[in-house]
Amino acid sequence: MRHNDCMQCLEATLFAQTALPHPQSLPSDRHLTIQKKADPKAQVLKVAKAMKSITFHRPRTLKKDRNPKYPRISVPPRNKLDHYQILKYPLTTESAMKKIEDNNTLVFIVDIRADKKKIKDVVKKMYDIQTKKVNTLIRPDGTKKAYVQLTPDYDALDVANKIGII
């Protein structure tokens, strides 16, 4: 008795289909060569492969690398935060002056998107000074303030004079 969904029955039918015929029923080598010459477009029948899982997945097809006719972006994006954009201006308030004198710290208004590492690099590039650390805060008016503390071998008062804060 054969069941439609029985795996053993399916394997038995596949085995019966792939079993080799009796050697006497096979044609001789001479007949095979004649048959090959006679029918060059002969197709070999494929034996159905047994399903080993209950879910069907489509076969993986050839995926070629992209070879676009034209670039999708016309120009490469430019850096929106250059060093003139990051440091807007130094603060010259009384509390900023007190920071310069007491804590060896310069106070700048910087771009809202600038982070501490970028601020530190820009101060080094523009003013040739080493910074110990940078503290930032966002003011109530929405701008970002950066406290740039200088290393002990630099004097913030001299640097402020050179920049033109004082």
Protein backbone atom coordinates (compact mmCIF):
# COMPACT_ATOMS: atom_id res chain seq x y z
CA MET A 1 0.00 0.00 0.00
CA ARG A 2 1.41 3.42 -1.01
CA HIS A 3 0.82 6.60 0.96
CA ASN A 4 1.24 10.04 -0.61
CA ASP A 5 2.99 11.60 2.37
CA CYS A 6 4.98 8.61 3.61
CA MET A 7 8.75 9.15 3.39
CA GLN A 8 9.50 5.42 3.15
CA CYS A 9 7.17 5.03 0.18
CA LEU A 10 8.79 8.00 -1.55
CA GLU A 11 12.28 6.58 -1.02
CA ALA A 12 11.15 3.15 -2.24
CA THR A 13 9.75 4.61 -5.47
CA LEU A 14 12.90 6.65 -6.04
CA PHE A 15 15.05 3.58 -5.49
CA ALA A 16 12.90 1.61 -7.91
CA GLN A 17 13.29 4.35 -10.54
CA THR A 18 17.06 4.55 -10.15
CA ALA A 19 17.70 0.79 -10.02
CA LEU A 20 19.94 -0.40 -12.84
CA PRO A 21 18.32 -2.51 -15.60
CA HIS A 22 19.37 -6.08 -16.32
CA PRO A 23 22.79 -6.20 -18.11
CA GLN A 24 21.37 -8.18 -21.10
CA SER A 25 18.78 -5.49 -21.79
CA LEU A 26 21.53 -2.86 -22.14
CA PRO A 27 22.60 -2.10 -25.74
CA SER A 28 26.16 -2.87 -26.77
CA ASP A 29 28.88 -0.22 -27.02
CA ARG A 30 28.44 -0.08 -30.79
CA HIS A 31 24.75 0.75 -30.45
CA LEU A 32 25.53 3.48 -27.87
CA THR A 33 27.93 5.27 -30.21
CA ILE A 34 25.39 5.12 -33.02
CA GLN A 35 22.69 6.50 -30.74
CA LYS A 36 24.93 9.37 -29.60
CA LYS A 37 25.68 10.31 -33.18
CA ALA A 38 22.05 9.97 -34.22
CA ASP A 39 20.54 12.18 -31.48
CA PRO A 40 22.96 14.91 -30.32
CA LYS A 41 20.22 16.85 -28.48
CA ALA A 42 19.08 13.91 -26.40
CA GLN A 43 18.15 14.95 -22.86
CA VAL A 44 18.97 12.83 -19.85
CA LEU A 45 16.04 12.38 -17.48
CA LYS A 46 16.78 13.66 -13.99
CA VAL A 47 15.72 11.61 -11.02
CA ALA A 48 13.67 13.56 -8.47
CA LYS A 49 15.67 14.27 -5.32
CA ALA A 50 14.05 13.32 -2.03
CA MET A 51 12.86 16.24 0.10
CA LYS A 52 14.64 16.16 3.44
CA SER A 53 12.84 19.09 5.07
CA ILE A 54 9.22 20.11 5.28
CA THR A 55 9.83 23.71 4.14
CA PHE A 56 10.75 24.65 0.58
CA HIS A 57 13.45 27.24 -0.02
CA ARG A 58 14.14 28.64 -3.45
CA PRO A 59 17.59 27.77 -4.79
CA ARG A 60 20.30 30.38 -4.49
CA THR A 61 20.78 32.06 -7.84
CA LEU A 62 23.74 33.90 -9.31
CA LYS A 63 24.19 37.38 -7.84
CA LYS A 64 26.41 39.58 -9.98
CA ASP A 65 28.39 42.56 -8.69
CA ARG A 66 26.90 45.95 -9.41
CA ASN A 67 28.26 47.68 -12.47
CA PRO A 68 26.37 51.00 -12.63
CA LYS A 69 26.18 53.02 -15.82
CA TYR A 70 26.54 56.27 -13.84
CA PRO A 71 27.18 57.14 -10.16
CA ARG A 72 24.00 57.58 -8.13
CA ILE A 73 25.58 60.44 -6.14
CA SER A 74 26.93 63.16 -8.43
CA VAL A 75 29.54 64.61 -6.05
CA PRO A 76 31.08 63.17 -2.88
CA PRO A 77 29.73 64.77 0.30
CA ARG A 78 31.88 67.55 1.72
CA ASN A 79 32.82 67.79 5.37
CA LYS A 80 30.28 70.15 6.91
CA LEU A 81 32.33 70.58 10.11
CA ASP A 82 35.69 72.06 9.20
CA HIS A 83 37.81 73.69 11.90
CA TYR A 84 36.40 77.18 11.21
CA GLN A 85 32.88 75.79 11.53
CA ILE A 86 33.54 73.98 14.82
CA LEU A 87 35.02 76.91 16.79
CA LYS A 88 32.63 79.82 16.37
CA TYR A 89 34.10 82.40 18.75
CA PRO A 90 35.70 82.70 22.20
CA LEU A 91 33.59 83.94 25.10
CA THR A 92 34.72 87.18 26.76
CA THR A 93 32.33 87.33 29.72
CA GLU A 94 33.54 88.01 33.26
CA SER A 95 33.10 84.37 34.26
CA ALA A 96 35.11 83.31 31.20
CA MET A 97 37.90 85.75 32.18
CA LYS A 98 37.88 84.29 35.69
CA LYS A 99 38.29 80.79 34.19
CA ILE A 100 41.25 82.02 32.12
CA GLU A 101 42.99 83.52 35.17
CA ASP A 102 42.18 80.90 37.82
CA ASN A 103 41.78 77.56 36.03
CA ASN A 104 44.03 77.93 32.94
CA THR A 105 40.91 77.37 30.82
CA LEU A 106 39.69 79.00 27.60
CA VAL A 107 35.94 79.22 26.91
CA PHE A 108 34.58 78.92 23.36
CA ILE A 109 31.18 78.78 21.71
CA VAL A 110 31.30 75.79 19.38
CA ASP A 111 29.05 74.11 16.84
CA ILE A 112 26.28 72.01 18.38
CA ARG A 113 27.40 68.93 16.38
CA ALA A 114 31.04 69.10 17.53
CA ASP A 115 32.20 66.55 20.08
CA LYS A 116 35.01 66.88 22.64
CA LYS A 117 37.59 65.07 20.50
CA LYS A 118 36.93 67.35 17.51
CA ILE A 119 37.09 70.46 19.69
CA LYS A 120 40.41 69.32 21.17
CA ASP A 121 41.87 68.64 17.70
CA VAL A 122 40.68 71.98 16.30
CA VAL A 123 42.15 74.00 19.19
CA LYS A 124 45.47 72.19 18.68
CA LYS A 125 45.37 72.86 14.93
CA MET A 126 44.34 76.53 15.05
CA TYR A 127 46.24 77.79 18.08
CA ASP A 128 49.11 75.26 18.44
CA ILE A 129 48.32 74.49 22.08
CA GLN A 130 47.96 71.21 23.96
CA THR A 131 44.75 70.70 25.89
CA LYS A 132 44.40 68.70 29.08
CA LYS A 133 40.64 68.16 28.77
CA VAL A 134 37.48 69.61 27.28
CA ASN A 135 34.17 70.06 29.11
CA THR A 136 31.06 70.93 27.15
CA LEU A 137 27.55 72.05 27.96
CA ILE A 138 24.54 73.17 25.97
CA ARG A 139 23.30 76.60 27.00
CA PRO A 140 19.61 77.46 27.38
CA ASP A 141 19.75 79.43 24.10
CA GLY A 142 20.71 76.20 22.26
CA THR A 143 24.40 76.87 21.63
CA LYS A 144 27.21 74.67 22.88
CA LYS A 145 29.88 76.05 25.21
CA ALA A 146 33.27 74.36 25.53
CA TYR A 147 35.67 74.78 28.44
CA VAL A 148 39.13 73.95 27.07
CA GLN A 149 41.59 73.36 29.91
CA LEU A 150 45.21 73.78 28.81
CA THR A 151 48.17 71.71 29.94
CA PRO A 152 50.36 73.28 32.68
CA ASP A 153 53.15 74.16 30.21
CA TYR A 154 50.79 76.64 28.45
CA ASP A 155 49.44 79.78 30.11
CA ALA A 156 45.83 80.56 29.20
CA LEU A 157 46.40 84.29 29.75
CA ASP A 158 49.19 84.39 27.14
CA VAL A 159 47.15 82.32 24.68
CA ALA A 160 44.12 84.59 25.23
CA ASN A 161 46.28 87.64 24.48
CA LYS A 162 47.61 85.98 21.33
CA ILE A 163 44.08 85.09 20.16
CA GLY A 164 42.76 88.56 20.98
CA ILE A 165 40.27 87.72 23.72
CA ILE A 166 41.81 90.18 26.19
